[in-house]
C-alpha atoms as a PDB file:
ATOM      1  CA  MET A   1      95.881  79.637  74.021  1.00  0.00           C
ATOM      2  CA  GLN A   2      91.928  78.281  74.754  1.00  0.00           C
ATOM      3  CA  VAL A   3      91.790  78.413  78.330  1.00  0.00           C
ATOM      4  CA  ALA A   4      88.626  76.597  79.993  1.00  0.00           C
ATOM      5  CA  ILE A   5      87.633  77.726  83.360  1.00  0.00           C
ATOM      6  CA  ILE A   6      85.903  75.224  85.348  1.00  0.00           C
ATOM      7  CA  GLY A   7      84.248  77.000  88.422  1.00  0.00           C
ATOM      8  CA  ALA A   8      81.777  80.053  87.877  1.00  0.00           C
ATOM      9  CA  GLY A   9      82.055  81.203  91.227  1.00  0.00           C
ATOM     10  CA  ALA A  10      84.264  84.176  92.598  1.00  0.00           C
ATOM     11  CA  ILE A  11      87.492  83.632  91.741  1.00  0.00           C
ATOM     12  CA  GLY A  12      86.287  81.778  88.433  1.00  0.00           C
ATOM     13  CA  SER A  13      84.166  84.556  87.163  1.00  0.00           C
ATOM     14  CA  VAL A  14      86.800  87.143  87.615  1.00  0.00           C
ATOM     15  CA  ALA A  15      89.500  85.162  85.812  1.00  0.00           C
ATOM     16  CA  ALA A  16      87.609  84.554  83.100  1.00  0.00           C
ATOM     17  CA  ALA A  17      85.939  87.786  82.555  1.00  0.00           C
ATOM     18  CA  TYR A  18      89.088  90.046  82.663  1.00  0.00           C
ATOM     19  CA  LEU A  19      91.124  87.415  80.366  1.00  0.00           C
ATOM     20  CA  ALA A  20      88.560  87.675  77.863  1.00  0.00           C
ATOM     21  CA  LYS A  21      88.294  91.447  77.979  1.00  0.00           C
ATOM     22  CA  SER A  22      92.513  90.848  77.601  1.00  0.00           C
ATOM     23  CA  GLY A  23      91.530  88.833  74.356  1.00  0.00           C
ATOM     24  CA  VAL A  24      92.128  85.160  75.819  1.00  0.00           C
ATOM     25  CA  ASP A  25      89.774  82.855  74.222  1.00  0.00           C
ATOM     26  CA  VAL A  26      87.841  81.668  77.565  1.00  0.00           C
ATOM     27  CA  THR A  27      85.002  79.232  78.132  1.00  0.00           C
ATOM     28  CA  LEU A  28      83.185  79.363  82.188  1.00  0.00           C
ATOM     29  CA  ILE A  29      82.212  75.719  83.336  1.00  0.00           C
ATOM     30  CA  GLY A  30      79.097  76.143  85.997  1.00  0.00           C
ATOM     31  CA  ARG A  31      76.456  75.222  87.121  1.00  0.00           C
ATOM     32  CA  GLN A  32      73.102  75.425  85.296  1.00  0.00           C
ATOM     33  CA  ASP A  33      72.038  78.509  87.238  1.00  0.00           C
ATOM     34  CA  GLN A  34      75.067  80.355  86.894  1.00  0.00           C
ATOM     35  CA  VAL A  35      75.088  79.406  82.869  1.00  0.00           C
ATOM     36  CA  ASP A  36      71.703  80.394  82.518  1.00  0.00           C
ATOM     37  CA  ALA A  37      72.615  83.773  84.048  1.00  0.00           C
ATOM     38  CA  ILE A  38      75.298  84.476  81.977  1.00  0.00           C
ATOM     39  CA  GLN A  39      73.745  83.832  78.397  1.00  0.00           C
ATOM     40  CA  GLN A  40      71.187  85.501  79.360  1.00  0.00           C
ATOM     41  CA  ARG A  41      72.388  88.713  80.873  1.00  0.00           C
ATOM     42  CA  GLY A  42      76.680  88.183  80.751  1.00  0.00           C
ATOM     43  CA  LEU A  43      78.520  88.321  83.759  1.00  0.00           C
ATOM     44  CA  THR A  44      78.600  91.259  85.977  1.00  0.00           C
ATOM     45  CA  VAL A  45      81.610  92.228  87.425  1.00  0.00           C
ATOM     46  CA  LYS A  46      81.846  95.183  90.312  1.00  0.00           C
ATOM     47  CA  GLY A  47      85.028  96.434  92.360  1.00  0.00           C
ATOM     48  CA  ILE A  48      87.989  97.695  92.049  1.00  0.00           C
ATOM     49  CA  ARG A  49      88.024  97.599  88.393  1.00  0.00           C
ATOM     50  CA  GLY A  50      85.126  99.481  88.312  1.00  0.00           C
ATOM     51  CA  GLU A  51      81.681  97.778  86.803  1.00  0.00           C
ATOM     52  CA  GLU A  52      81.067  95.967  83.372  1.00  0.00           C
ATOM     53  CA  THR A  53      79.268  93.120  82.460  1.00  0.00           C
ATOM     54  CA  PHE A  54      80.765  90.884  79.918  1.00  0.00           C
ATOM     55  CA  ARG A  55      79.623  88.405  77.559  1.00  0.00           C
ATOM     56  CA  LEU A  56      81.876  85.177  77.073  1.00  0.00           C
ATOM     57  CA  LYS A  57      80.929  81.399  76.282  1.00  0.00           C
ATOM     58  CA  ALA A  58      79.310  79.293  79.232  1.00  0.00           C
ATOM     59  CA  LEU A  59      78.940  76.162  79.299  1.00  0.00           C
ATOM     60  CA  THR A  60      78.038  73.369  82.288  1.00  0.00           C
ATOM     61  CA  ARG A  61      80.280  70.712  80.717  1.00  0.00           C
ATOM     62  CA  LEU A  62      83.385  70.779  78.861  1.00  0.00           C
ATOM     63  CA  ASP A  63      82.501  70.791  75.114  1.00  0.00           C
ATOM     64  CA  LYS A  64      86.091  69.848  73.926  1.00  0.00           C
ATOM     65  CA  CYS A  65      89.571  69.826  74.718  1.00  0.00           C
ATOM     66  CA  TYR A  66      91.420  72.910  75.808  1.00  0.00           C
ATOM     67  CA  ASP A  67      94.831  74.156  76.077  1.00  0.00           C
ATOM     68  CA  LEU A  68      94.558  75.008  79.566  1.00  0.00           C
ATOM     69  CA  ASN A  69      92.283  73.888  81.656  1.00  0.00           C
ATOM     70  CA  ILE A  70      91.513  75.782  85.262  1.00  0.00           C
ATOM     71  CA  PHE A  71      90.654  74.923  88.088  1.00  0.00           C
ATOM     72  CA  THR A  72      88.680  77.513  90.477  1.00  0.00           C
ATOM     73  CA  VAL A  73      86.303  75.048  92.434  1.00  0.00           C
ATOM     74  CA  LYS A  74      86.594  74.355  95.929  1.00  0.00           C
ATOM     75  CA  THR A  75      88.929  71.574  97.028  1.00  0.00           C
ATOM     76  CA  GLN A  76      86.491  69.495  98.076  1.00  0.00           C
ATOM     77  CA  ASP A  77      84.568  69.546  94.600  1.00  0.00           C
ATOM     78  CA  LEU A  78      87.472  68.877  92.712  1.00  0.00           C
ATOM     79  CA  GLU A  79      86.746  65.243  92.417  1.00  0.00           C
ATOM     80  CA  ASP A  80      82.839  65.761  90.657  1.00  0.00           C
ATOM     81  CA  ALA A  81      84.511  68.589  88.910  1.00  0.00           C
ATOM     82  CA  TYR A  82      86.906  66.298  86.920  1.00  0.00           C
ATOM     83  CA  GLN A  83      84.160  63.495  86.702  1.00  0.00           C
ATOM     84  CA  ASP A  84      82.258  65.617  84.988  1.00  0.00           C
ATOM     85  CA  ASN A  85      84.698  66.800  82.189  1.00  0.00           C
ATOM     86  CA  HIS A  86      86.975  63.986  82.164  1.00  0.00           C
ATOM     87  CA  GLU A  87      86.066  63.328  78.435  1.00  0.00           C
ATOM     88  CA  PHE A  88      88.012  66.580  77.589  1.00  0.00           C
ATOM     89  CA  LEU A  89      90.613  66.603  80.051  1.00  0.00           C
ATOM     90  CA  GLU A  90      93.147  64.491  78.420  1.00  0.00           C
ATOM     91  CA  ARG A  91      95.359  66.541  76.388  1.00  0.00           C
ATOM     92  CA  GLY A  92      95.421  70.262  77.803  1.00  0.00           C
ATOM     93  CA  SER A  93      97.210  71.162  80.903  1.00  0.00           C
ATOM     94  CA  ILE A  94      95.653  71.545  84.048  1.00  0.00           C
ATOM     95  CA  LEU A  95      96.449  74.283  86.889  1.00  0.00           C
ATOM     96  CA  THR A  96      94.646  74.397  90.554  1.00  0.00           C
ATOM     97  CA  SER A  97      93.876  76.929  91.750  1.00  0.00           C
ATOM     98  CA  GLN A  98      92.235  75.952  95.356  1.00  0.00           C
ATOM     99  CA  ASN A  99      93.027  77.236  99.113  1.00  0.00           C
ATOM    100  CA  GLY A 100      95.077  74.810 101.469  1.00  0.00           C
ATOM    101  CA  VAL A 101      97.628  71.984 100.074  1.00  0.00           C
ATOM    102  CA  GLN A 102      95.535  69.124  99.227  1.00  0.00           C
ATOM    103  CA  ALA A 103      94.188  70.276  95.653  1.00  0.00           C
ATOM    104  CA  ASP A 104      97.677  68.681  93.283  1.00  0.00           C
ATOM    105  CA  ASN A 105      97.309  65.142  94.923  1.00  0.00           C
ATOM    106  CA  ILE A 106      93.601  65.138  94.924  1.00  0.00           C
ATOM    107  CA  LEU A 107      93.839  65.987  90.632  1.00  0.00           C
ATOM    108  CA  SER A 108      97.342  63.799  90.761  1.00  0.00           C
ATOM    109  CA  VAL A 109      95.463  60.234  90.592  1.00  0.00           C
ATOM    110  CA  HIS A 110      94.108  61.543  87.010  1.00  0.00           C
ATOM    111  CA  PHE A 111      96.371  62.793  85.328  1.00  0.00           C
ATOM    112  CA  ASP A 112     100.564  62.845  84.548  1.00  0.00           C
ATOM    113  CA  ARG A 113     102.434  64.485  87.098  1.00  0.00           C
ATOM    114  CA  GLU A 114     104.403  66.500  84.427  1.00  0.00           C
ATOM    115  CA  LYS A 115     101.332  68.124  82.861  1.00  0.00           C
ATOM    116  CA  MET A 116      99.812  69.659  86.274  1.00  0.00           C
ATOM    117  CA  PHE A 117     100.898  73.298  87.195  1.00  0.00           C
ATOM    118  CA  SER A 118      99.300  74.846  90.228  1.00  0.00           C
ATOM    119  CA  SER A 119      98.435  78.200  91.307  1.00  0.00           C
ATOM    120  CA  ILE A 120      97.956  80.775  94.491  1.00  0.00           C
ATOM    121  CA  VAL A 121      95.472  83.674  94.017  1.00  0.00           C
ATOM    122  CA  MET A 122      95.957  86.429  95.872  1.00  0.00           C
ATOM    123  CA  PHE A 123      93.016  88.456  94.490  1.00  0.00           C
ATOM    124  CA  GLY A 124      90.075  88.845  96.240  1.00  0.00           C
ATOM    125  CA  ALA A 125      86.500  88.162  95.221  1.00  0.00           C
ATOM    126  CA  THR A 126      83.123  87.653  96.364  1.00  0.00           C
ATOM    127  CA  TYR A 127      80.144  85.653  94.854  1.00  0.00           C
ATOM    128  CA  THR A 128      77.171  87.561  94.789  1.00  0.00           C
ATOM    129  CA  ARG A 129      74.938  85.618  92.643  1.00  0.00           C
ATOM    130  CA  PRO A 130      74.630  83.762  89.602  1.00  0.00           C
ATOM    131  CA  GLY A 131      76.107  85.773  86.772  1.00  0.00           C
ATOM    132  CA  GLU A 132      77.588  88.233  89.502  1.00  0.00           C
ATOM    133  CA  VAL A 133      80.621  88.747  91.344  1.00  0.00           C
ATOM    134  CA  PHE A 134      82.280  91.575  93.283  1.00  0.00           C
ATOM    135  CA  PHE A 135      86.393  92.356  92.957  1.00  0.00           C
ATOM    136  CA  ASN A 136      87.483  93.003  96.482  1.00  0.00           C
ATOM    137  CA  PHE A 137      91.132  93.922  95.394  1.00  0.00           C
ATOM    138  CA  GLU A 138      93.837  93.158  93.531  1.00  0.00           C
ATOM    139  CA  GLY A 139      96.739  90.730  93.465  1.00  0.00           C
ATOM    140  CA  ASP A 140      99.108  88.676  92.052  1.00  0.00           C
ATOM    141  CA  TRP A 141      99.175  84.901  90.458  1.00  0.00           C
ATOM    142  CA  ILE A 142     101.782  82.530  91.387  1.00  0.00           C
ATOM    143  CA  ILE A 143     102.317  79.776  88.911  1.00  0.00           C
ATOM    144  CA  GLY A 144     104.336  76.880  89.649  1.00  0.00           C
ATOM    145  CA  LYS A 145     104.739  72.913  89.501  1.00  0.00           C
ATOM    146  CA  PRO A 146     103.679  70.988  92.410  1.00  0.00           C
ATOM    147  CA  PHE A 147     105.491  67.951  91.303  1.00  0.00           C
ATOM    148  CA  THR A 148     108.194  68.817  88.958  1.00  0.00           C
ATOM    149  CA  MET A 149     110.852  71.321  88.173  1.00  0.00           C
ATOM    150  CA  ILE A 150     109.412  74.749  86.436  1.00  0.00           C
ATOM    151  CA  ASP A 151     109.588  74.700  82.633  1.00  0.00           C
ATOM    152  CA  PRO A 152     108.932  76.545  80.083  1.00  0.00           C
ATOM    153  CA  LYS A 153     105.002  75.716  79.976  1.00  0.00           C
ATOM    154  CA  ALA A 154     104.870  77.304  83.481  1.00  0.00           C
ATOM    155  CA  HIS A 155     105.919  80.976  81.881  1.00  0.00           C
ATOM    156  CA  GLU A 156     103.464  80.484  78.951  1.00  0.00           C
ATOM    157  CA  ILE A 157     100.833  79.759  80.837  1.00  0.00           C
ATOM    158  CA  ALA A 158     101.786  82.868  82.813  1.00  0.00           C
ATOM    159  CA  GLY A 159     102.367  85.024  80.452  1.00  0.00           C
ATOM    160  CA  CYS A 160      98.780  83.976  79.147  1.00  0.00           C
ATOM    161  CA  LEU A 161      97.136  84.937  82.707  1.00  0.00           C
ATOM    162  CA  ALA A 162      99.332  88.403  82.803  1.00  0.00           C
ATOM    163  CA  LYS A 163      97.065  89.575  80.157  1.00  0.00           C
ATOM    164  CA  ALA A 164      94.853  90.053  82.904  1.00  0.00           C
ATOM    165  CA  PHE A 165      96.292  89.747  86.623  1.00  0.00           C
ATOM    166  CA  GLN A 166      99.683  90.287  87.754  1.00  0.00           C
ATOM    167  CA  ALA A 167     101.241  86.804  87.095  1.00  0.00           C
ATOM    168  CA  VAL A 168     104.319  85.388  88.819  1.00  0.00           C
ATOM    169  CA  VAL A 169     106.331  81.725  88.419  1.00  0.00           C
ATOM    170  CA  SER A 170     107.580  80.639  91.515  1.00  0.00           C
ATOM    171  CA  ASN A 171     110.008  77.608  92.130  1.00  0.00           C
ATOM    172  CA  ASN A 172     108.486  76.202  95.277  1.00  0.00           C
ATOM    173  CA  ILE A 173     104.391  76.764  95.194  1.00  0.00           C
ATOM    174  CA  MET A 174     103.838  74.457  97.395  1.00  0.00           C
ATOM    175  CA  GLY A 175     106.053  76.213 100.390  1.00  0.00           C
ATOM    176  CA  MET A 176     103.699  79.588  99.259  1.00  0.00           C
ATOM    177  CA  LYS A 177     100.890  77.337  99.354  1.00  0.00           C
ATOM    178  CA  TRP A 178     101.578  76.577 102.932  1.00  0.00           C
ATOM    179  CA  LEU A 179     102.096  80.378 103.485  1.00  0.00           C
ATOM    180  CA  LYS A 180      98.823  81.035 102.093  1.00  0.00           C
ATOM    181  CA  VAL A 181      97.185  78.501 104.614  1.00  0.00           C
ATOM    182  CA  PHE A 182      97.917  80.807 107.278  1.00  0.00           C
ATOM    183  CA  VAL A 183      96.339  83.962 104.549  1.00  0.00           C
ATOM    184  CA  ASN A 184      93.408  82.402 104.353  1.00  0.00           C
ATOM    185  CA  PHE A 185      93.305  80.830 108.508  1.00  0.00           C
ATOM    186  CA  ASN A 186      90.901  83.869 109.723  1.00  0.00           C
ATOM    187  CA  ASN A 187      87.828  82.599 106.953  1.00  0.00           C
ATOM    188  CA  CYS A 188      86.779  79.987 109.898  1.00  0.00           C
ATOM    189  CA  ILE A 189      86.078  82.969 112.288  1.00  0.00           C
ATOM    190  CA  CYS A 190      83.883  84.956 110.032  1.00  0.00           C
ATOM    191  CA  ALA A 191      82.290  81.673 109.049  1.00  0.00           C
ATOM    192  CA  VAL A 192      81.215  80.912 112.603  1.00  0.00           C
ATOM    193  CA  LEU A 193      79.248  84.147 112.759  1.00  0.00           C
ATOM    194  CA  GLY A 194      78.406  84.945 109.388  1.00  0.00           C
ATOM    195  CA  LYS A 195      80.407  88.363 109.329  1.00  0.00           C
ATOM    196  CA  SER A 196      82.568  90.478 106.862  1.00  0.00           C
ATOM    197  CA  MET A 197      85.962  89.950 107.737  1.00  0.00           C
ATOM    198  CA  GLN A 198      85.784  93.620 108.847  1.00  0.00           C
ATOM    199  CA  GLU A 199      82.996  92.936 110.622  1.00  0.00           C
ATOM    200  CA  THR A 200      84.013  90.783 112.610  1.00  0.00           C
ATOM    201  CA  PHE A 201      87.695  91.991 113.540  1.00  0.00           C
ATOM    202  CA  ALA A 202      86.548  94.916 114.694  1.00  0.00           C
ATOM    203  CA  ASP A 203      85.816  93.292 117.181  1.00  0.00           C
ATOM    204  CA  MET A 204      89.182  92.726 119.263  1.00  0.00           C
ATOM    205  CA  ASP A 205      88.147  89.632 121.434  1.00  0.00           C
ATOM    206  CA  CYS A 206      88.640  87.628 117.866  1.00  0.00           C
ATOM    207  CA  CYS A 207      91.501  89.573 117.088  1.00  0.00           C
ATOM    208  CA  ARG A 208      92.810  87.774 120.338  1.00  0.00           C
ATOM    209  CA  LEU A 209      91.039  84.341 119.025  1.00  0.00           C
ATOM    210  CA  SER A 210      92.807  84.567 115.627  1.00  0.00           C
ATOM    211  CA  VAL A 211      96.531  85.304 117.325  1.00  0.00           C
ATOM    212  CA  ALA A 212      95.707  81.806 119.523  1.00  0.00           C
ATOM    213  CA  LEU A 213      95.018  79.682 116.602  1.00  0.00           C
ATOM    214  CA  LEU A 214      98.006  81.053 114.737  1.00  0.00           C
ATOM    215  CA  LYS A 215     100.244  80.457 117.653  1.00  0.00           C
ATOM    216  CA  GLU A 216      99.473  76.790 118.031  1.00  0.00           C
ATOM    217  CA  SER A 217      98.995  76.270 114.562  1.00  0.00           C
ATOM    218  CA  VAL A 218     102.505  77.719 113.723  1.00  0.00           C
ATOM    219  CA  ALA A 219     104.090  75.017 116.603  1.00  0.00           C
ATOM    220  CA  VAL A 220     102.558  72.561 114.024  1.00  0.00           C
ATOM    221  CA  VAL A 221     104.132  73.384 110.897  1.00  0.00           C
ATOM    222  CA  ARG A 222     107.744  74.143 112.685  1.00  0.00           C
ATOM    223  CA  LYS A 223     107.493  70.597 114.868  1.00  0.00           C
ATOM    224  CA  ALA A 224     105.812  68.843 111.410  1.00  0.00           C
ATOM    225  CA  ASN A 225     109.555  70.393 109.450  1.00  0.00           C
ATOM    226  CA  ILE A 226     107.099  72.244 106.777  1.00  0.00           C
ATOM    227  CA  GLU A 227     108.907  75.428 105.390  1.00  0.00           C
ATOM    228  CA  LEU A 228     106.426  77.912 104.410  1.00  0.00           C
ATOM    229  CA  ALA A 229     108.136  80.033 101.840  1.00  0.00           C
ATOM    230  CA  SER A 230     106.807  84.039 101.136  1.00  0.00           C
ATOM    231  CA  LEU A 231     104.900  85.067  98.942  1.00  0.00           C
ATOM    232  CA  PRO A 232     105.587  87.890  96.588  1.00  0.00           C
ATOM    233  CA  GLN A 233     103.888  90.618  98.983  1.00  0.00           C
ATOM    234  CA  PHE A 234     103.710  88.549 101.691  1.00  0.00           C
ATOM    235  CA  PRO A 235     106.851  87.467 103.386  1.00  0.00           C
ATOM    236  CA  VAL A 236     106.697  84.477 106.060  1.00  0.00           C
ATOM    237  CA  ASP A 237     108.559  86.427 108.489  1.00  0.00           C
ATOM    238  CA  ARG A 238     105.048  88.066 108.876  1.00  0.00           C
ATOM    239  CA  ILE A 239     103.669  84.751 109.707  1.00  0.00           C
ATOM    240  CA  TYR A 240     106.289  83.871 112.262  1.00  0.00           C
ATOM    241  CA  GLY A 241     106.925  87.085 114.352  1.00  0.00           C
ATOM    242  CA  LEU A 242     103.188  87.744 114.925  1.00  0.00           C
ATOM    243  CA  ALA A 243     103.371  83.839 116.111  1.00  0.00           C
ATOM    244  CA  ALA A 244     106.652  85.503 118.263  1.00  0.00           C
ATOM    245  CA  MET A 245     104.740  88.892 119.270  1.00  0.00           C
ATOM    246  CA  PRO A 246     102.827  89.524 122.629  1.00  0.00           C
ATOM    247  CA  PRO A 247      99.640  88.583 122.263  1.00  0.00           C
ATOM    248  CA  GLU A 248      98.120  91.784 122.715  1.00  0.00           C
ATOM    249  CA  GLN A 249     100.183  93.574 120.516  1.00  0.00           C
ATOM    250  CA  ALA A 250      99.397  90.712 116.812  1.00  0.00           C
ATOM    251  CA  ALA A 251      95.492  91.276 117.986  1.00  0.00           C
ATOM    252  CA  GLY A 252      96.248  95.127 117.513  1.00  0.00           C
ATOM    253  CA  ILE A 253      98.225  94.166 114.176  1.00  0.00           C
ATOM    254  CA  ILE A 254      95.311  91.657 112.897  1.00  0.00           C
ATOM    255  CA  GLN A 255      92.756  94.445 113.568  1.00  0.00           C
ATOM    256  CA  LYS A 256      93.901  96.519 111.954  1.00  0.00           C
ATOM    257  CA  THR A 257      94.725  94.552 108.594  1.00  0.00           C
ATOM    258  CA  LEU A 258      92.287  92.946 108.354  1.00  0.00           C
ATOM    259  CA  THR A 259      89.683  95.680 109.063  1.00  0.00           C
ATOM    260  CA  GLY A 260      90.931  98.122 106.463  1.00  0.00           C
ATOM    261  CA  LEU A 261      91.531  95.376 103.711  1.00  0.00           C
ATOM    262  CA  SER A 262      88.807  96.697 101.411  1.00  0.00           C
ATOM    263  CA  LYS A 263      85.803  99.686 101.335  1.00  0.00           C
ATOM    264  CA  GLU A 264      83.612  97.001 100.592  1.00  0.00           C
ATOM    265  CA  PRO A 265      82.946  93.954 102.941  1.00  0.00           C
ATOM    266  CA  VAL A 266      84.724  90.911 102.318  1.00  0.00           C
ATOM    267  CA  TYR A 267      83.404  87.538 102.681  1.00  0.00           C
ATOM    268  CA  GLY A 268      85.622  84.410 103.804  1.00  0.00           C
ATOM    269  CA  SER A 269      85.997  81.596 101.208  1.00  0.00           C
ATOM    270  CA  VAL A 270      84.462  79.218 103.672  1.00  0.00           C
ATOM    271  CA  LEU A 271      81.666  81.744 104.593  1.00  0.00           C
ATOM    272  CA  GLN A 272      80.434  82.076 100.728  1.00  0.00           C
ATOM    273  CA  SER A 273      80.106  78.648 100.784  1.00  0.00           C
ATOM    274  CA  ILE A 274      77.737  78.099 103.885  1.00  0.00           C
ATOM    275  CA  LEU A 275      76.293  81.255 102.108  1.00  0.00           C
ATOM    276  CA  ARG A 276      75.388  79.152  99.049  1.00  0.00           C
ATOM    277  CA  GLY A 277      74.452  76.354 101.344  1.00  0.00           C
ATOM    278  CA  ARG A 278      77.803  74.136 100.302  1.00  0.00           C
ATOM    279  CA  THR A 279      80.002  72.638 101.994  1.00  0.00           C
ATOM    280  CA  SER A 280      83.285  74.514 102.841  1.00  0.00           C
ATOM    281  CA  GLU A 281      86.443  74.495 102.708  1.00  0.00           C
ATOM    282  CA  ILE A 282      87.266  74.570 105.898  1.00  0.00           C
ATOM    283  CA  ASP A 283      88.678  70.916 106.390  1.00  0.00           C
ATOM    284  CA  PHE A 284      91.719  71.875 103.556  1.00  0.00           C
ATOM    285  CA  ILE A 285      92.341  75.068 105.691  1.00  0.00           C
ATOM    286  CA  ASN A 286      92.251  74.909 109.711  1.00  0.00           C
ATOM    287  CA  GLY A 287      91.431  71.140 109.135  1.00  0.00           C
ATOM    288  CA  GLU A 288      94.524  70.647 107.494  1.00  0.00           C
ATOM    289  CA  ILE A 289      97.015  72.018 110.917  1.00  0.00           C
ATOM    290  CA  VAL A 290      94.176  69.755 112.575  1.00  0.00           C
ATOM    291  CA  ARG A 291      95.305  66.023 110.154  1.00  0.00           C
ATOM    292  CA  ILE A 292      99.369  67.002 110.854  1.00  0.00           C
ATOM    293  CA  ALA A 293      98.673  67.419 114.142  1.00  0.00           C
ATOM    294  CA  ARG A 294      97.560  64.362 114.798  1.00  0.00           C
ATOM    295  CA  GLN A 295     100.032  62.653 112.501  1.00  0.00           C
ATOM    296  CA  ILE A 296     102.946  64.079 114.667  1.00  0.00           C
ATOM    297  CA  HIS A 297     100.996  63.326 118.083  1.00  0.00           C
ATOM    298  CA  VAL A 298     100.195  66.734 119.012  1.00  0.00           C
ATOM    299  CA  ALA A 299      97.510  68.629 121.065  1.00  0.00           C
ATOM    300  CA  VAL A 300      95.171  71.529 118.823  1.00  0.00           C
ATOM    301  CA  PRO A 301      92.422  71.703 120.666  1.00  0.00           C
ATOM    302  CA  LEU A 302      91.715  75.814 119.636  1.00  0.00           C
ATOM    303  CA  ASN A 303      91.749  74.259 115.564  1.00  0.00           C
ATOM    304  CA  GLU A 304      89.881  71.264 116.250  1.00  0.00           C
ATOM    305  CA  LYS A 305      87.652  73.174 117.879  1.00  0.00           C
ATOM    306  CA  ILE A 306      87.032  75.621 115.181  1.00  0.00           C
ATOM    307  CA  VAL A 307      87.063  73.287 112.291  1.00  0.00           C
ATOM    308  CA  ASP A 308      83.660  71.319 114.563  1.00  0.00           C
ATOM    309  CA  LEU A 309      82.103  74.916 114.629  1.00  0.00           C
ATOM    310  CA  VAL A 310      82.196  76.123 110.796  1.00  0.00           C
ATOM    311  CA  HIS A 311      80.744  71.917 110.435  1.00  0.00           C
ATOM    312  CA  ARG A 312      77.581  72.793 112.886  1.00  0.00           C
ATOM    313  CA  VAL A 313      77.355  75.578 110.955  1.00  0.00           C
ATOM    314  CA  GLU A 314      76.992  73.425 107.706  1.00  0.00           C
ATOM    315  CA  ALA A 315      74.895  71.274 109.257  1.00  0.00           C
ATOM    316  CA  HIS A 316      72.302  73.864 110.524  1.00  0.00           C
ATOM    317  CA  GLY A 317      72.570  76.774 108.940  1.00  0.00           C
ATOM    318  CA  LYS A 318      72.472  78.737 112.337  1.00  0.00           C
ATOM    319  CA  PHE A 319      75.063  81.390 112.865  1.00  0.00           C
ATOM    320  CA  LEU A 320      76.377  81.665 116.677  1.00  0.00           C
ATOM    321  CA  SER A 321      76.763  85.728 118.379  1.00  0.00           C
ATOM    322  CA  PHE A 322      79.994  87.138 119.631  1.00  0.00           C
ATOM    323  CA  ASP A 323      79.096  85.877 122.739  1.00  0.00           C
ATOM    324  CA  GLN A 324      78.166  82.266 122.100  1.00  0.00           C
ATOM    325  CA  LEU A 325      81.303  81.938 120.460  1.00  0.00           C
ATOM    326  CA  LYS A 326      83.981  83.789 123.023  1.00  0.00           C
ATOM    327  CA  GLN A 327      81.415  80.889 125.222  1.00  0.00           C
ATOM    328  CA  GLU A 328      82.530  78.121 122.707  1.00  0.00           C
ATOM    329  CA  LEU A 329      86.120  78.906 123.052  1.00  0.00           C
ATOM    330  CA  SER A 330      86.896  79.485 126.420  1.00  0.00           C
ATOM    331  CA  VAL A 331      87.773  76.527 127.566  1.00  0.00           C
ATOM    332  CA  SER A 332      90.360  75.839 124.487  1.00  0.00           C
ATOM    333  CA  LEU A 333      91.582  79.462 125.568  1.00  0.00           C
END
């Protein structure tokens, strides 16, 4: 199977590096600065599997048709990625990997839904600079079909990815993607502060804010009759349980979990985009809750405020202090 990975950020680079190492024929598609760095120095991955520099094919555009095209750009960049490469995307299978639940809908206007596959990436990585990423922690790569029933091709794709990662096939990928929204839910707080997960959630007030956002959001998905599905290593009851707990108890669990993610600092995907001077995927994480809430006429002041704050940081490049964040949210809380 010839594989193209479209997006040379954190996840795309880790995927390309280890799939290539396992013997998969991989081409990585990235921006010009990323491609130049990889062609000149190789792709360096540090972290949980040690440090290694990989030599692999890197281009700014697809050069031919591939059997499997994996989109690893952020959701907000999917349309541009398609337009840049559409000439060679008609024949192969399409696999999305974005956070949120809208990626498949965005690309479905261009493809036969039968050839579309969706995935959830549970391993964590941090983009350092062009041609260099940090692999923070291992995790499953979950494969499914967003619009049709699981077929042999899904298992074939999973078999290819399983050469380098723990690959799992799911018959309810969309329910899992909704749960993953909650797994990514705390990215917004780190993005407003400009700090790692560990530093952010060492502050108990940030943990309390996380719990408040969670409770507000769980109420929305329940009212909207959206069913979450358990991830292999993350049962859905963990989210519902936290939302039902006394706030202080839940905040303690949030603190213990997020400060212990990795020995190295973990920077959420939203913050990583901002640090690179790019727009973030906040509208497809907390913003998804805001969108659903408006459809069913439910107030979500905390999520609306945090989305607004992230957009403010994107626009002006100025992070808030802990005290400023608490002051901004004091009325909502």
